[in-house]
C-alpha atoms as a PDB file:
ATOM      1  CA  MET A   1       0.052   0.192  -0.085  1.00  0.00           C
ATOM      2  CA  PRO A   2       2.454   2.519   0.848  1.00  0.00           C
ATOM      3  CA  ARG A   3       4.696   3.319  -2.109  1.00  0.00           C
ATOM      4  CA  THR A   4       6.772   6.397  -0.767  1.00  0.00           C
ATOM      5  CA  VAL A   5       8.963   6.791   2.186  1.00  0.00           C
ATOM      6  CA  PHE A   6       6.601   9.389   3.338  1.00  0.00           C
ATOM      7  CA  GLN A   7       3.536   7.232   2.890  1.00  0.00           C
ATOM      8  CA  LYS A   8       5.596   4.543   4.775  1.00  0.00           C
ATOM      9  CA  ALA A   9       6.229   6.990   7.566  1.00  0.00           C
ATOM     10  CA  VAL A  10       2.414   7.935   7.847  1.00  0.00           C
ATOM     11  CA  PHE A  11       1.249   4.201   7.822  1.00  0.00           C
ATOM     12  CA  GLY A  12       3.814   3.321  10.399  1.00  0.00           C
ATOM     13  CA  LEU A  13       3.092   5.925  12.567  1.00  0.00           C
ATOM     14  CA  LEU A  14      -0.716   5.301  12.575  1.00  0.00           C
ATOM     15  CA  MET A  15       0.238   1.470  13.093  1.00  0.00           C
ATOM     16  CA  VAL A  16       2.452   2.372  16.051  1.00  0.00           C
ATOM     17  CA  VAL A  17      -0.068   4.891  17.653  1.00  0.00           C
ATOM     18  CA  PHE A  18      -2.973   2.220  17.565  1.00  0.00           C
ATOM     19  CA  MET A  19      -0.614  -0.518  18.560  1.00  0.00           C
ATOM     20  CA  VAL A  20       0.928   1.265  21.473  1.00  0.00           C
ATOM     21  CA  LEU A  21      -2.143   2.756  22.782  1.00  0.00           C
ATOM     22  CA  ALA A  22      -3.675  -0.912  22.752  1.00  0.00           C
ATOM     23  CA  MET A  23      -0.734  -2.483  24.300  1.00  0.00           C
ATOM     24  CA  GLU A  24      -0.361   0.240  27.066  1.00  0.00           C
ATOM     25  CA  CYS A  25      -4.140  -0.033  27.999  1.00  0.00           C
ATOM     26  CA  TYR A  26      -3.824  -3.856  28.133  1.00  0.00           C
ATOM     27  CA  ASN A  27      -0.654  -3.704  30.383  1.00  0.00           C
ATOM     28  CA  GLN A  28      -2.324  -1.295  32.465  1.00  0.00           C
ATOM     29  CA  GLY A  29      -5.186  -3.408  32.958  1.00  0.00           C
ATOM     30  CA  MET A  30      -3.015  -6.406  33.606  1.00  0.00           C
ATOM     31  CA  LEU A  31      -0.995  -4.844  36.250  1.00  0.00           C
ATOM     32  CA  SER A  32      -4.062  -3.598  38.355  1.00  0.00           C
ATOM     33  CA  GLY A  33      -6.592  -6.384  37.758  1.00  0.00           C
ATOM     34  CA  GLY A  34      -8.529  -4.554  35.127  1.00  0.00           C
ATOM     35  CA  LEU A  35      -8.657  -1.469  32.757  1.00  0.00           C
ATOM     36  CA  THR A  36      -9.769   2.027  34.865  1.00  0.00           C
ATOM     37  CA  TRP A  37      -9.824   5.377  33.580  1.00  0.00           C
ATOM     38  CA  GLN A  38      -6.622   5.912  35.875  1.00  0.00           C
ATOM     39  CA  GLY A  39      -5.068   2.993  33.889  1.00  0.00           C
ATOM     40  CA  VAL A  40      -5.927   4.809  30.890  1.00  0.00           C
ATOM     41  CA  LYS A  41      -4.456   7.842  31.719  1.00  0.00           C
ATOM     42  CA  LYS A  42      -1.082   6.311  32.853  1.00  0.00           C
ATOM     43  CA  ALA A  43      -1.198   4.379  29.282  1.00  0.00           C
ATOM     44  CA  LEU A  44      -1.515   7.731  27.629  1.00  0.00           C
ATOM     45  CA  ASP A  45       1.301   9.276  29.712  1.00  0.00           C
ATOM     46  CA  GLU A  46       3.389   6.163  28.767  1.00  0.00           C
ATOM     47  CA  MET A  47       2.669   6.497  25.064  1.00  0.00           C
ATOM     48  CA  LYS A  48       4.922   9.758  25.141  1.00  0.00           C
ATOM     49  CA  ILE A  49       7.962   7.535  25.618  1.00  0.00           C
ATOM     50  CA  MET A  50       7.002   4.354  23.732  1.00  0.00           C
ATOM     51  CA  VAL A  51       5.541   5.704  20.734  1.00  0.00           C
ATOM     52  CA  PRO A  52       8.847   7.303  19.589  1.00  0.00           C
ATOM     53  CA  VAL A  53      10.667   4.361  20.468  1.00  0.00           C
ATOM     54  CA  CYS A  54       8.377   2.137  18.551  1.00  0.00           C
ATOM     55  CA  PHE A  55       8.359   3.967  15.611  1.00  0.00           C
ATOM     56  CA  VAL A  56      12.090   4.123  15.550  1.00  0.00           C
ATOM     57  CA  MET A  57      12.219   0.355  15.932  1.00  0.00           C
ATOM     58  CA  SER A  58       9.559  -0.433  13.455  1.00  0.00           C
ATOM     59  CA  PHE A  59      10.665   1.743  10.732  1.00  0.00           C
ATOM     60  CA  PHE A  60      14.188   1.176  10.790  1.00  0.00           C
ATOM     61  CA  ILE A  61      14.589  -2.326  12.173  1.00  0.00           C
ATOM     62  CA  ALA A  62      11.575  -4.385  12.326  1.00  0.00           C
ATOM     63  CA  ASP A  63       9.663  -3.368   9.005  1.00  0.00           C
ATOM     64  CA  PRO A  64      12.463  -3.811   6.778  1.00  0.00           C
ATOM     65  CA  ILE A  65      13.666  -7.303   7.983  1.00  0.00           C
ATOM     66  CA  ALA A  66       9.573  -8.254   7.840  1.00  0.00           C
ATOM     67  CA  SER A  67       9.321  -7.065   4.355  1.00  0.00           C
ATOM     68  CA  ARG A  68      12.395  -9.415   3.276  1.00  0.00           C
ATOM     69  CA  ILE A  69      11.121 -12.324   5.200  1.00  0.00           C
ATOM     70  CA  THR A  70       7.601 -12.243   3.823  1.00  0.00           C
ATOM     71  CA  MET A  71       8.802 -11.719  -0.009  1.00  0.00           C
ATOM     72  CA  ARG A  72      11.120 -14.589   0.804  1.00  0.00           C
ATOM     73  CA  ASN A  73       8.912 -16.999   2.465  1.00  0.00           C
ATOM     74  CA  ALA A  74       5.423 -15.700   1.169  1.00  0.00           C
ATOM     75  CA  GLY A  75       6.086 -13.786  -1.823  1.00  0.00           C
ATOM     76  CA  SER A  76       6.813 -15.919  -4.684  1.00  0.00           C
ATOM     77  CA  GLY A  77       3.848 -17.914  -5.774  1.00  0.00           C
ATOM     78  CA  CYS A  78       1.489 -16.588  -3.177  1.00  0.00           C
ATOM     79  CA  ASP A  79      -1.523 -15.051  -4.875  1.00  0.00           C
ATOM     80  CA  SER A  80      -3.747 -14.294  -2.283  1.00  0.00           C
ATOM     81  CA  ARG A  81      -3.259 -10.924  -0.843  1.00  0.00           C
ATOM     82  CA  LEU A  82      -4.749 -11.905   2.353  1.00  0.00           C
ATOM     83  CA  VAL A  83      -2.274 -14.596   3.018  1.00  0.00           C
ATOM     84  CA  MET A  84       0.622 -12.133   2.471  1.00  0.00           C
ATOM     85  CA  ILE A  85      -0.989  -9.440   4.919  1.00  0.00           C
ATOM     86  CA  ALA A  86      -1.502 -12.213   7.614  1.00  0.00           C
ATOM     87  CA  PHE A  87       2.088 -13.538   7.179  1.00  0.00           C
ATOM     88  CA  ARG A  88       3.663  -9.905   7.193  1.00  0.00           C
ATOM     89  CA  ALA A  89       1.691  -9.001  10.164  1.00  0.00           C
ATOM     90  CA  SER A  90       2.763 -11.985  11.982  1.00  0.00           C
ATOM     91  CA  VAL A  91       6.466 -11.636  11.091  1.00  0.00           C
ATOM     92  CA  THR A  92       6.440  -8.142  12.289  1.00  0.00           C
ATOM     93  CA  VAL A  93       4.527  -8.891  15.642  1.00  0.00           C
ATOM     94  CA  SER A  94       7.148 -11.753  16.369  1.00  0.00           C
ATOM     95  CA  MET A  95       9.711  -9.407  15.884  1.00  0.00           C
ATOM     96  CA  MET A  96       8.347  -6.006  17.531  1.00  0.00           C
ATOM     97  CA  CYS A  97       6.799  -7.887  20.690  1.00  0.00           C
ATOM     98  CA  PRO A  98      10.283  -8.909  22.261  1.00  0.00           C
ATOM     99  CA  ILE A  99      11.721  -5.773  20.978  1.00  0.00           C
ATOM    100  CA  MET A 100       8.930  -3.433  22.943  1.00  0.00           C
ATOM    101  CA  SER A 101       8.711  -5.668  25.948  1.00  0.00           C
ATOM    102  CA  PHE A 102      12.449  -5.285  26.307  1.00  0.00           C
ATOM    103  CA  TRP A 103      12.062  -1.339  26.344  1.00  0.00           C
ATOM    104  CA  ALA A 104       8.989  -1.425  28.298  1.00  0.00           C
ATOM    105  CA  THR A 105      10.664  -3.907  30.954  1.00  0.00           C
ATOM    106  CA  LEU A 106      13.490  -1.267  31.030  1.00  0.00           C
ATOM    107  CA  PHE A 107      11.556   1.872  31.306  1.00  0.00           C
ATOM    108  CA  PHE A 108       8.839   0.725  33.425  1.00  0.00           C
ATOM    109  CA  ARG A 109       9.361  -2.598  35.460  1.00  0.00           C
ATOM    110  CA  LYS A 110      12.974  -1.738  36.267  1.00  0.00           C
ATOM    111  CA  PRO A 111      13.772  -5.303  37.728  1.00  0.00           C
ATOM    112  CA  GLY A 112      17.434  -4.891  38.253  1.00  0.00           C
ATOM    113  CA  VAL A 113      20.123  -6.526  36.288  1.00  0.00           C
ATOM    114  CA  SER A 114      19.927 -10.045  37.877  1.00  0.00           C
ATOM    115  CA  GLU A 115      16.167 -10.096  37.216  1.00  0.00           C
ATOM    116  CA  PHE A 116      15.840  -8.626  33.947  1.00  0.00           C
ATOM    117  CA  ILE A 117      15.884 -11.416  31.617  1.00  0.00           C
ATOM    118  CA  PRO A 118      12.968 -13.253  33.510  1.00  0.00           C
ATOM    119  CA  ALA A 119      11.168  -9.830  33.813  1.00  0.00           C
ATOM    120  CA  TRP A 120      11.432  -9.342  29.952  1.00  0.00           C
ATOM    121  CA  LEU A 121      10.434 -12.744  28.808  1.00  0.00           C
ATOM    122  CA  SER A 122       7.486 -12.948  31.146  1.00  0.00           C
ATOM    123  CA  THR A 123       6.528  -9.596  29.571  1.00  0.00           C
ATOM    124  CA  VAL A 124       7.015 -11.000  26.229  1.00  0.00           C
ATOM    125  CA  VAL A 125       4.877 -13.870  27.286  1.00  0.00           C
ATOM    126  CA  MET A 126       2.056 -11.839  28.643  1.00  0.00           C
ATOM    127  CA  ASN A 127       1.887  -9.310  25.612  1.00  0.00           C
ATOM    128  CA  TYR A 128       2.391 -11.555  22.676  1.00  0.00           C
ATOM    129  CA  PRO A 129      -1.044 -13.046  22.393  1.00  0.00           C
ATOM    130  CA  MET A 130      -2.703  -9.627  22.606  1.00  0.00           C
ATOM    131  CA  ALA A 131      -0.270  -7.852  20.355  1.00  0.00           C
ATOM    132  CA  PHE A 132      -0.824 -10.646  17.480  1.00  0.00           C
ATOM    133  CA  PHE A 133      -4.639 -10.632  17.489  1.00  0.00           C
ATOM    134  CA  TRP A 134      -5.008  -6.985  18.108  1.00  0.00           C
ATOM    135  CA  GLN A 135      -2.792  -6.544  14.747  1.00  0.00           C
ATOM    136  CA  LEU A 136      -4.122  -9.083  12.776  1.00  0.00           C
ATOM    137  CA  MET A 137      -8.141  -8.742  13.771  1.00  0.00           C
ATOM    138  CA  PHE A 138      -8.258  -4.891  14.587  1.00  0.00           C
ATOM    139  CA  CYS A 139      -5.349  -2.668  14.059  1.00  0.00           C
ATOM    140  CA  GLY A 140      -3.998  -3.674  10.871  1.00  0.00           C
ATOM    141  CA  PRO A 141      -7.412  -3.522   9.147  1.00  0.00           C
ATOM    142  CA  LEU A 142      -8.113  -0.253  10.749  1.00  0.00           C
ATOM    143  CA  VAL A 143      -4.957   1.232   9.960  1.00  0.00           C
ATOM    144  CA  ARG A 144      -5.121   0.016   6.144  1.00  0.00           C
ATOM    145  CA  PHE A 145      -8.466   1.435   6.122  1.00  0.00           C
ATOM    146  CA  LEU A 146      -7.210   5.041   7.600  1.00  0.00           C
ATOM    147  CA  PHE A 147      -4.527   4.874   4.983  1.00  0.00           C
ATOM    148  CA  ARG A 148      -6.492   4.271   2.160  1.00  0.00           C
ATOM    149  CA  LEU A 149      -8.881   6.995   3.096  1.00  0.00           C
ATOM    150  CA  LEU A 150      -5.755   9.524   3.248  1.00  0.00           C
ATOM    151  CA  PHE A 151      -4.018   8.409   0.207  1.00  0.00           C
ATOM    152  CA  ARG A 152      -6.677   7.656  -2.256  1.00  0.00           C
ATOM    153  CA  GLU A 153      -5.477   6.485  -5.659  1.00  0.00           C
ATOM    154  CA  ARG A 154      -6.587   8.768  -8.388  1.00  0.00           C
ATOM    155  CA  THR A 155      -8.019   6.808 -11.558  1.00  0.00           C
END
């Protein structure tokens, strides 16, 4: 869908904002036994840190690698656009969840050096199912819809 670097940046920023918002609300709800307005406020505050970090990690690291992996494994011979989208989303989440769980553990959990790896791994395990299904079923379709509204192709 995105063709230019500007379009890729806009698409990436939309994806990051919706993914980070959902994941921050999810984590606040998990930490407090359910999401509250206080948790939403804290999630919005944490977005100030996580959105830029997520955009940089996604735009410069995960997206280029996910694109290559997708083209190498599902690109040739795949006639289904839906399969390509699902494969790309799965690869991206599989890369971004550990990356962003690392940063979230570092910034917010602060477990200390000796407990960092277990804290990070437990964060990945807790976040992966939500990130995967949120991306595949809601965030990805929403962002593609919004992107098509913003960048209508002229015929």
